[in-house]
Amino acid sequence: MNLDLRLYSILLAAGLLPACTLGACLAAGFGPAAAAAAAGLASLFAALCAGRLIERGLSAPVSKVSAAVKKFIADNYRLAAALPKEGWPAAAALVSSANRLMLELGAFRAFQINQVVEERGKAKALIETIPDGALLLDDRGGIIYSNRTALRLLGIPGLSEEVSIPASVTVTALAEEISRMLASEEPYLKACVELPRPEGISGPARTYLLIAAQFLLPTLKRPGRVLILRDVTQEMELEKTKESFFQMITHDMRAPLSSIMGYTQMLAKSVPKTPLSDQHIATIIRAAGRLNGMITDILNTTKMERGSMSLSPERLESAALASRMRDAHAPDAERRKVSLAPVTGDGAEFYGDKVLLERVLSNLIGNAIKFTPPGGSVELSCGRLDGNVLFMVSDTGPGVPKDKREVIFEKYAQMEEHSSMGFGLGLAMCKLAVELHKGRIWVEPGKGAGSCFKLTLPAGEKPA
């Protein structure tokens, strides 16, 4: 019998018992008052019986399920013993479902905890084995996690509640740089710190790269920081070796290159002039000039990085400077079937190093021609921007992706598809030269998918 029918039967019996009692009393000759009293007692008895039956069949099992669930949660989701099935079938089904739910929830929770513990163990093992120091810091400099390498590099003997960053860092140079990083609002920071060797230990000073990146945790009111300390001494030594190699190459190449250019010019005067000989000699001179420009870029870059480059400023006119460099690249553009438009815009006078700025514009125009497919066009214009002299070199080439527009101005940085087309020093030299003039250089999207390189130079008085 289902629950609805049982309840209906109980309620029907409870309702009929008083009426039946009243009728029986009157038939037996009891007075109206006595019959009514007997009917009232019968009604009370029927209510008590019905309540008892409902309690045993429904209320008690439901109460036990509720209490068991509370105890299950209080015991950290562990079920000590299953509830016995009792009461009406519907109540027994509820008890059975509650038992199954608590058992499966407990098993799932245990599985999840095991998974978390296992993943945490894997992450800890991985972080402890990497050679870099790694720390997670909260918004107050407290250490959420740190591997042993980081503690050793920072001079912290061990973790405790009193340890905080940078207050507990005993290495002065690292403490100062980390303090600056934690005080900054920038989401990502990088810096190099050189640490001398401890007394009694020979060898070069160690150089460490510090990387600080923000991360968010729900429990933090402000972003925390991931701090990485990486020993880049070997990389720096390799960089110095590379620089020395380039210096040696450039100095050794200057002499034979001068001989090639000199003898080529003499050859042009001594051999009979024919269209083919003129073409060959022009190709040699053009290639030698390009190589000479690359050597000059390497030497200029090194000098500017070392701070030994001295400017020779003179009064220049932007339109005239741009036109000279445009005319110098016209034969190359014609050979590559790229349209090189005349210089447009309003010229302006300013002071600058003529030789250095010619190399800057030569690199920008040369790159635009080199990376523009046949049938494309390159435009050079000049004007003013916020009181500064402005140069713009636009092309209809493939363009520069947004995430590469800063990277391409770094040394040896090249897009993958252009890795075989140079050393990656031209734009780095341009950036250093423009900044040496207190100017700025950047790249924006050009027409269609092309690029537009822009540089601004101060239009003030002659610099010191």
Protein backbone atom coordinates (compact mmCIF):
# COMPACT_ATOMS: atom_id res chain seq x y z
CA MET A 1 0.00 0.00 0.00
CA ASN A 2 1.50 3.32 -0.97
CA LEU A 3 1.97 6.27 1.37
CA ASP A 4 -0.93 8.36 0.05
CA LEU A 5 -3.40 5.46 0.58
CA ARG A 6 -2.12 4.78 4.13
CA LEU A 7 -2.49 8.41 5.11
CA TYR A 8 -5.93 8.53 3.54
CA SER A 9 -7.01 5.44 5.49
CA ILE A 10 -5.69 6.77 8.81
CA LEU A 11 -7.36 10.12 8.35
CA LEU A 12 -10.62 8.47 7.29
CA ALA A 13 -10.59 6.19 10.37
CA ALA A 14 -9.82 9.11 12.65
CA GLY A 15 -12.72 11.02 11.14
CA LEU A 16 -15.25 8.15 11.33
CA LEU A 17 -14.45 6.95 14.88
CA PRO A 18 -16.09 9.88 16.71
CA ALA A 19 -19.24 9.64 14.58
CA CYS A 20 -19.49 5.90 15.10
CA THR A 21 -18.99 6.31 18.85
CA LEU A 22 -21.69 8.97 19.03
CA GLY A 23 -24.17 6.78 17.13
CA ALA A 24 -23.46 3.72 19.27
CA CYS A 25 -23.92 5.66 22.51
CA LEU A 26 -27.23 7.12 21.42
CA ALA A 27 -28.44 3.69 20.25
CA ALA A 28 -27.49 2.23 23.65
CA GLY A 29 -29.71 4.76 25.43
CA PHE A 30 -27.05 7.22 26.61
CA GLY A 31 -28.10 10.80 26.93
CA PRO A 32 -26.91 13.43 24.41
CA ALA A 33 -24.33 14.85 26.80
CA ALA A 34 -22.85 11.46 27.62
CA ALA A 35 -22.84 10.48 23.94
CA ALA A 36 -21.05 13.74 23.02
CA ALA A 37 -18.44 13.19 25.75
CA ALA A 38 -17.81 9.65 24.56
CA ALA A 39 -17.51 10.93 20.98
CA GLY A 40 -14.94 13.53 22.13
CA LEU A 41 -12.86 10.89 23.89
CA ALA A 42 -13.05 8.72 20.79
CA SER A 43 -11.88 11.69 18.67
CA LEU A 44 -8.91 12.31 20.98
CA PHE A 45 -7.95 8.65 20.94
CA ALA A 46 -8.19 8.51 17.17
CA ALA A 47 -5.95 11.61 16.86
CA LEU A 48 -3.34 10.11 19.22
CA CYS A 49 -3.33 6.84 17.31
CA ALA A 50 -3.03 8.61 13.96
CA GLY A 51 -0.19 10.82 15.23
CA ARG A 52 1.66 7.80 16.61
CA LEU A 53 1.33 5.93 13.34
CA ILE A 54 2.54 8.93 11.28
CA GLU A 55 5.46 9.48 13.63
CA ARG A 56 6.63 5.85 13.43
CA GLY A 57 6.02 5.55 9.70
CA LEU A 58 7.28 8.95 8.41
CA SER A 59 8.40 11.59 10.95
CA ALA A 60 10.91 9.48 12.85
CA PRO A 61 12.78 8.20 9.77
CA VAL A 62 12.96 11.71 8.29
CA SER A 63 14.31 13.11 11.58
CA LYS A 64 16.94 10.36 11.71
CA VAL A 65 18.02 11.14 8.13
CA SER A 66 18.35 14.83 9.01
CA ALA A 67 20.41 14.09 12.12
CA ALA A 68 22.58 11.62 10.22
CA VAL A 69 23.35 14.14 7.49
CA LYS A 70 24.39 16.76 10.08
CA LYS A 71 26.64 14.21 11.81
CA PHE A 72 28.06 13.17 8.40
CA ILE A 73 29.09 16.77 7.68
CA ALA A 74 30.45 17.28 11.20
CA ASP A 75 32.57 14.10 10.89
CA ASN A 76 34.32 15.51 7.79
CA TYR A 77 32.09 13.62 5.36
CA ARG A 78 32.66 10.18 6.88
CA LEU A 79 29.69 7.81 7.38
CA ALA A 80 30.28 5.66 10.46
CA ALA A 81 27.32 3.34 9.85
CA ALA A 82 24.44 3.17 7.41
CA LEU A 83 20.97 4.13 8.69
CA PRO A 84 18.58 1.18 9.09
CA LYS A 85 15.61 1.13 6.74
CA GLU A 86 12.40 1.70 8.70
CA GLY A 87 8.99 3.34 8.42
CA TRP A 88 6.65 3.36 5.51
CA PRO A 89 8.07 2.36 2.09
CA ALA A 90 8.51 5.99 1.03
CA ALA A 91 10.43 6.77 4.25
CA ALA A 92 12.53 3.63 3.83
CA ALA A 93 13.34 4.68 0.25
CA LEU A 94 14.41 8.10 1.55
CA VAL A 95 16.70 6.44 4.11
CA SER A 96 18.20 4.22 1.40
CA SER A 97 18.80 7.19 -0.91
CA ALA A 98 20.39 9.20 1.92
CA ASN A 99 22.72 6.30 2.75
CA ARG A 100 23.81 5.98 -0.86
CA LEU A 101 24.26 9.73 -1.25
CA MET A 102 26.45 10.01 1.86
CA LEU A 103 28.54 6.98 0.89
CA GLU A 104 29.17 8.28 -2.64
CA LEU A 105 29.85 11.81 -1.45
CA GLY A 106 32.34 10.53 1.12
CA ALA A 107 34.09 8.41 -1.49
CA PHE A 108 34.20 11.29 -3.98
CA ARG A 109 35.60 13.66 -1.37
CA ALA A 110 38.28 11.15 -0.38
CA PHE A 111 39.19 10.71 -4.06
CA GLN A 112 39.40 14.46 -4.60
CA ILE A 113 41.58 14.93 -1.52
CA ASN A 114 43.89 12.17 -2.71
CA GLN A 115 44.08 13.81 -6.11
CA VAL A 116 44.90 17.20 -4.59
CA VAL A 117 47.56 15.68 -2.34
CA GLU A 118 49.04 13.77 -5.27
CA GLU A 119 49.10 16.84 -7.55
CA ARG A 120 50.56 18.96 -4.76
CA GLY A 121 53.28 16.35 -4.24
CA LYS A 122 54.07 16.34 -7.96
CA ALA A 123 54.23 20.15 -8.09
CA LYS A 124 56.44 20.29 -5.00
CA ALA A 125 58.78 17.65 -6.39
CA LEU A 126 58.99 19.52 -9.69
CA ILE A 127 59.64 22.90 -8.10
CA GLU A 128 62.25 21.48 -5.73
CA THR A 129 64.21 19.92 -8.59
CA ILE A 130 64.42 22.99 -10.86
CA PRO A 131 67.61 25.07 -10.48
CA ASP A 132 65.67 28.34 -10.22
CA GLY A 133 64.51 29.84 -6.95
CA ALA A 134 60.70 30.07 -6.82
CA LEU A 135 58.48 31.87 -4.30
CA LEU A 136 54.78 32.66 -3.95
CA LEU A 137 54.20 35.82 -1.92
CA ASP A 138 50.99 37.32 -0.60
CA ASP A 139 50.16 41.03 -0.76
CA ARG A 140 52.09 41.72 2.46
CA GLY A 141 55.27 39.91 1.47
CA GLY A 142 54.45 36.76 3.41
CA ILE A 143 55.75 33.53 1.90
CA ILE A 144 52.96 31.23 0.73
CA TYR A 145 55.44 28.76 -0.73
CA SER A 146 59.17 28.66 -1.42
CA ASN A 147 61.60 26.02 -2.62
CA ARG A 148 64.95 25.47 -0.91
CA THR A 149 66.89 27.13 -3.74
CA ALA A 150 65.09 30.44 -3.24
CA LEU A 151 65.69 30.41 0.53
CA ARG A 152 69.38 29.69 -0.02
CA LEU A 153 69.80 32.48 -2.60
CA LEU A 154 68.00 35.00 -0.40
CA GLY A 155 70.00 34.02 2.69
CA ILE A 156 66.94 32.87 4.67
CA PRO A 157 67.80 29.92 6.97
CA GLY A 158 64.25 28.56 7.17
CA LEU A 159 60.55 29.35 7.08
CA SER A 160 58.64 30.64 10.09
CA GLU A 161 55.77 33.02 10.81
CA GLU A 162 58.23 35.89 11.30
CA VAL A 163 59.79 35.52 7.83
CA SER A 164 58.66 38.04 5.20
CA ILE A 165 59.98 39.43 1.94
CA PRO A 166 62.02 41.62 1.56
CA ALA A 167 62.61 42.21 5.29
CA SER A 168 64.12 38.76 5.87
CA VAL A 169 66.40 38.82 2.80
CA THR A 170 70.00 39.08 3.96
CA VAL A 171 71.54 39.66 0.50
CA THR A 172 71.48 43.45 0.19
CA ALA A 173 71.42 43.72 -3.61
CA LEU A 174 68.56 41.22 -3.91
CA ALA A 175 66.63 42.84 -1.05
CA GLU A 176 66.75 46.25 -2.73
CA GLU A 177 65.64 44.99 -6.13
CA ILE A 178 62.87 42.78 -4.70
CA SER A 179 61.62 45.69 -2.59
CA ARG A 180 61.37 47.84 -5.74
CA MET A 181 59.49 45.10 -7.59
CA LEU A 182 56.99 44.50 -4.79
CA ALA A 183 56.30 48.24 -4.54
CA SER A 184 55.53 48.49 -8.26
CA GLU A 185 52.03 48.15 -9.70
CA GLU A 186 53.34 46.64 -12.94
CA PRO A 187 52.00 43.09 -13.49
CA TYR A 188 55.28 41.78 -14.90
CA LEU A 189 58.84 42.90 -14.08
CA LYS A 190 62.33 41.71 -14.95
CA ALA A 191 65.70 42.83 -13.60
CA CYS A 192 69.29 41.58 -13.45
CA VAL A 193 71.30 41.70 -10.23
CA GLU A 194 75.04 41.00 -10.06
CA LEU A 195 76.26 39.40 -6.85
CA PRO A 196 79.97 39.17 -6.01
CA ARG A 197 81.49 35.84 -5.09
CA PRO A 198 81.75 35.15 -1.34
CA GLU A 199 85.18 35.71 0.19
CA GLY A 200 87.55 32.84 -0.38
CA ILE A 201 85.74 31.61 -3.51
CA SER A 202 87.33 32.43 -6.85
CA GLY A 203 85.54 33.01 -10.10
CA PRO A 204 83.43 35.72 -11.76
CA ALA A 205 80.53 37.43 -10.07
CA ARG A 206 77.18 35.66 -10.37
CA THR A 207 74.37 37.38 -12.24
CA TYR A 208 70.75 36.59 -11.38
CA LEU A 209 67.63 37.39 -13.36
CA LEU A 210 64.66 38.34 -11.18
CA ILE A 211 61.18 37.87 -12.62
CA ALA A 212 58.12 39.09 -10.69
CA ALA A 213 54.58 38.44 -11.93
CA GLN A 214 51.26 39.17 -10.25
CA PHE A 215 48.69 36.46 -9.57
CA LEU A 216 45.26 36.48 -7.94
CA LEU A 217 43.93 34.35 -5.08
CA PRO A 218 40.35 34.58 -3.74
CA THR A 219 41.67 34.96 -0.19
CA LEU A 220 43.85 37.97 -1.04
CA LYS A 221 42.53 41.50 -1.13
CA ARG A 222 45.39 42.49 -3.41
CA PRO A 223 47.37 40.50 -5.99
CA GLY A 224 50.24 38.38 -4.76
CA ARG A 225 53.51 37.85 -6.58
CA VAL A 226 55.34 34.95 -8.16
CA LEU A 227 59.06 35.60 -7.77
CA ILE A 228 61.65 33.66 -9.80
CA LEU A 229 65.42 33.90 -9.26
CA ARG A 230 67.44 32.48 -12.14
CA ASP A 231 71.22 32.22 -12.41
CA VAL A 232 72.07 33.68 -15.84
CA THR A 233 75.82 33.99 -15.32
CA GLN A 234 76.57 31.54 -18.10
CA GLU A 235 74.15 33.25 -20.48
CA MET A 236 75.78 36.60 -19.73
CA GLU A 237 79.22 35.16 -20.37
CA LEU A 238 78.00 33.75 -23.68
CA GLU A 239 76.55 37.17 -24.54
CA LYS A 240 79.90 38.82 -23.82
CA THR A 241 81.64 36.19 -25.93
CA LYS A 242 79.21 36.86 -28.76
CA GLU A 243 79.86 40.59 -28.50
CA SER A 244 83.61 40.02 -28.55
CA PHE A 245 83.22 37.77 -31.56
CA PHE A 246 81.23 40.39 -33.43
CA GLN A 247 83.79 43.03 -32.53
CA MET A 248 86.61 40.86 -33.83
CA ILE A 249 84.71 40.03 -37.01
CA THR A 250 83.84 43.65 -37.75
CA HIS A 251 87.37 44.94 -37.21
CA ASP A 252 88.87 42.11 -39.27
CA MET A 253 86.36 42.65 -42.08
CA ARG A 254 86.94 46.37 -42.40
CA ALA A 255 90.34 46.03 -44.11
CA PRO A 256 89.40 43.49 -46.83
CA LEU A 257 86.10 45.29 -47.40
CA SER A 258 87.95 48.57 -48.00
CA SER A 259 90.18 46.75 -50.50
CA ILE A 260 87.15 45.29 -52.29
CA MET A 261 85.48 48.68 -52.60
CA GLY A 262 88.70 50.46 -53.63
CA TYR A 263 89.70 47.96 -56.29
CA THR A 264 86.14 47.78 -57.59
CA GLN A 265 86.16 51.53 -58.13
CA MET A 266 89.52 51.29 -59.88
CA LEU A 267 88.19 48.42 -61.98
CA ALA A 268 85.21 50.52 -63.03
CA LYS A 269 87.61 53.13 -64.45
CA SER A 270 89.96 50.71 -66.16
CA VAL A 271 87.73 48.12 -67.88
CA PRO A 272 85.81 48.89 -71.08
CA LYS A 273 82.33 50.12 -70.24
CA THR A 274 79.55 47.81 -71.35
CA PRO A 275 76.05 47.36 -69.95
CA LEU A 276 77.06 43.97 -68.51
CA SER A 277 80.28 45.21 -66.87
CA ASP A 278 78.48 48.22 -65.40
CA GLN A 279 75.82 45.91 -63.99
CA HIS A 280 78.37 43.58 -62.41
CA ILE A 281 80.43 46.41 -60.92
CA ALA A 282 77.27 48.08 -59.55
CA THR A 283 76.25 44.79 -57.93
CA ILE A 284 79.67 44.46 -56.24
CA ILE A 285 79.57 48.04 -54.99
CA ARG A 286 76.01 47.66 -53.73
CA ALA A 287 76.81 44.41 -51.88
CA ALA A 288 79.98 45.92 -50.40
CA GLY A 289 78.02 48.96 -49.28
CA ARG A 290 75.40 46.77 -47.62
CA LEU A 291 78.10 44.79 -45.82
CA ASN A 292 79.77 48.01 -44.74
CA GLY A 293 76.45 49.20 -43.35
CA MET A 294 76.03 46.00 -41.33
CA ILE A 295 79.54 46.39 -39.90
CA THR A 296 78.78 50.01 -39.01
CA ASP A 297 75.55 48.95 -37.27
CA ILE A 298 77.43 46.40 -35.16
CA LEU A 299 80.08 48.94 -34.14
CA ASN A 300 77.51 51.66 -33.44
CA THR A 301 75.34 49.30 -31.38
CA THR A 302 78.27 48.26 -29.22
CA LYS A 303 79.40 51.84 -28.70
CA MET A 304 75.91 53.03 -27.77
CA GLU A 305 75.38 50.15 -25.35
CA ARG A 306 78.68 50.92 -23.66
CA GLY A 307 77.89 54.64 -23.56
CA SER A 308 80.99 55.50 -25.58
CA MET A 309 79.17 56.87 -28.64
CA SER A 310 79.54 60.63 -28.97
CA LEU A 311 77.15 62.54 -31.24
CA SER A 312 78.28 65.10 -33.79
CA PRO A 313 75.11 67.19 -34.10
CA GLU A 314 74.58 69.59 -36.96
CA ARG A 315 71.64 71.47 -38.41
CA LEU A 316 69.59 69.14 -40.65
CA GLU A 317 66.45 69.49 -42.72
CA SER A 318 64.11 66.50 -42.40
CA ALA A 319 62.75 66.50 -45.96
CA ALA A 320 66.25 66.81 -47.46
CA LEU A 321 67.59 64.01 -45.26
CA ALA A 322 64.67 61.75 -46.14
CA SER A 323 65.01 62.50 -49.88
CA ARG A 324 68.71 61.64 -49.89
CA MET A 325 68.08 58.28 -48.28
CA ARG A 326 65.12 57.64 -50.58
CA ASP A 327 67.25 58.28 -53.66
CA ALA A 328 70.02 56.02 -52.30
CA HIS A 329 67.56 53.09 -52.12
CA ALA A 330 65.80 53.77 -55.43
CA PRO A 331 67.98 51.30 -57.44
CA ASP A 332 67.34 48.53 -54.91
CA ALA A 333 63.59 49.19 -55.00
CA GLU A 334 63.60 49.13 -58.79
CA ARG A 335 65.54 45.86 -58.84
CA ARG A 336 63.01 44.28 -56.45
CA LYS A 337 60.05 45.73 -58.44
CA VAL A 338 58.85 47.74 -55.45
CA SER A 339 57.43 51.22 -55.97
CA LEU A 340 59.36 53.80 -53.89
CA ALA A 341 57.26 56.97 -53.77
CA PRO A 342 58.79 60.47 -53.51
CA VAL A 343 59.09 61.94 -50.04
CA THR A 344 55.95 63.74 -48.88
CA GLY A 345 55.13 66.04 -45.98
CA ASP A 346 56.46 69.27 -44.53
CA GLY A 347 60.16 69.47 -43.80
CA ALA A 348 61.49 70.88 -40.54
CA GLU A 349 64.94 71.87 -39.30
CA PHE A 350 66.50 70.16 -36.30
CA TYR A 351 69.87 69.15 -34.89
CA GLY A 352 71.18 65.61 -35.15
CA ASP A 353 74.09 63.37 -36.03
CA LYS A 354 73.88 63.19 -39.81
CA VAL A 355 75.80 59.93 -40.26
CA LEU A 356 73.94 58.10 -37.49
CA LEU A 357 70.49 59.25 -38.61
CA GLU A 358 71.28 58.31 -42.20
CA ARG A 359 71.97 54.77 -40.97
CA VAL A 360 68.64 54.79 -39.09
CA LEU A 361 66.61 55.84 -42.13
CA SER A 362 68.65 53.54 -44.36
CA ASN A 363 67.77 50.56 -42.17
CA LEU A 364 64.07 51.45 -42.07
CA ILE A 365 63.82 52.02 -45.84
CA GLY A 366 65.96 48.97 -46.62
CA ASN A 367 63.81 46.73 -44.41
CA ALA A 368 60.61 48.08 -45.96
CA ILE A 369 61.89 47.31 -49.46
CA LYS A 370 63.28 43.90 -48.45
CA PHE A 371 60.05 42.68 -46.84
CA THR A 372 57.61 44.14 -49.40
CA PRO A 373 56.68 41.67 -52.15
CA PRO A 374 57.11 42.63 -55.83
CA GLY A 375 54.37 44.98 -56.95
CA GLY A 376 54.09 46.56 -53.49
CA SER A 377 54.98 50.08 -52.48
CA VAL A 378 57.05 51.95 -49.88
CA GLU A 379 56.36 55.52 -48.82
CA LEU A 380 58.57 57.91 -46.86
CA SER A 381 57.16 61.06 -45.29
CA CYS A 382 58.12 63.64 -42.70
CA GLY A 383 56.37 66.28 -40.65
CA ARG A 384 55.79 67.32 -37.03
CA LEU A 385 54.21 65.59 -34.04
CA ASP A 386 53.76 67.27 -30.66
CA GLY A 387 56.50 69.77 -31.40
CA ASN A 388 58.95 67.09 -32.59
CA VAL A 389 60.24 66.20 -36.04
CA LEU A 390 58.47 63.10 -37.37
CA PHE A 391 59.68 60.54 -39.93
CA MET A 392 57.41 57.75 -41.24
CA VAL A 393 58.31 54.75 -43.41
CA SER A 394 55.25 52.82 -44.61
CA ASP A 395 55.11 49.63 -46.68
CA THR A 396 52.55 47.16 -48.03
CA GLY A 397 54.38 44.08 -46.79
CA PRO A 398 53.14 41.36 -44.39
CA GLY A 399 53.20 43.67 -41.36
CA VAL A 400 54.37 43.05 -37.79
CA PRO A 401 52.12 41.09 -35.39
CA LYS A 402 50.94 43.00 -32.35
CA ASP A 403 52.87 40.81 -29.91
CA LYS A 404 56.13 41.41 -31.84
CA ARG A 405 56.01 45.21 -32.13
CA GLU A 406 58.20 45.70 -29.07
CA VAL A 407 60.35 42.59 -29.45
CA ILE A 408 61.67 43.45 -32.91
CA PHE A 409 63.65 46.38 -31.47
CA GLU A 410 65.69 44.06 -29.24
CA LYS A 411 69.13 42.78 -30.23
CA TYR A 412 69.18 39.65 -32.37
CA ALA A 413 65.37 39.55 -32.34
CA GLN A 414 63.87 38.46 -35.63
CA MET A 415 60.57 37.05 -36.76
CA GLU A 416 60.90 33.35 -37.59
CA GLU A 417 60.15 33.79 -41.27
CA HIS A 418 62.95 36.41 -41.51
CA SER A 419 65.60 34.55 -39.49
CA SER A 420 67.82 34.03 -42.55
CA MET A 421 67.72 37.68 -43.69
CA GLY A 422 70.24 39.32 -41.34
CA PHE A 423 71.65 39.46 -37.81
CA GLY A 424 68.68 41.17 -36.17
CA LEU A 425 70.74 44.23 -35.22
CA GLY A 426 69.35 46.88 -37.56
CA LEU A 427 66.24 47.87 -35.59
CA ALA A 428 68.09 47.53 -32.27
CA MET A 429 70.66 50.03 -33.56
CA CYS A 430 67.85 52.33 -34.76
CA LYS A 431 66.24 52.31 -31.32
CA LEU A 432 69.52 53.06 -29.54
CA ALA A 433 70.39 55.84 -31.99
CA VAL A 434 66.98 57.50 -31.74
CA GLU A 435 66.99 57.29 -27.94
CA LEU A 436 70.52 58.75 -27.93
CA HIS A 437 68.95 61.74 -29.71
CA LYS A 438 66.27 61.85 -26.95
CA GLY A 439 63.70 60.64 -29.48
CA ARG A 440 61.33 57.69 -29.80
CA ILE A 441 60.75 54.97 -32.41
CA TRP A 442 57.83 52.54 -32.76
CA VAL A 443 55.81 50.60 -35.31
CA GLU A 444 52.10 50.71 -36.10
CA PRO A 445 49.85 48.88 -38.57
CA GLY A 446 50.13 50.39 -42.02
CA LYS A 447 47.92 50.30 -45.06
CA GLY A 448 46.20 46.96 -45.38
CA ALA A 449 48.46 44.40 -43.76
CA GLY A 450 51.61 46.52 -43.96
CA SER A 451 53.65 48.35 -41.34
CA CYS A 452 54.39 51.98 -40.57
CA PHE A 453 57.59 52.73 -38.67
CA LYS A 454 57.60 56.12 -36.97
CA LEU A 455 60.33 58.02 -35.20
CA THR A 456 60.32 61.42 -33.56
CA LEU A 457 63.32 63.64 -32.80
CA PRO A 458 63.41 66.83 -30.71
CA ALA A 459 63.22 70.01 -32.75
CA GLY A 460 64.92 72.18 -30.14
CA GLU A 461 68.29 73.84 -29.89
CA LYS A 462 71.62 72.20 -30.65
CA PRO A 463 72.28 69.56 -27.98
CA ALA A 464 75.41 69.66 -25.85
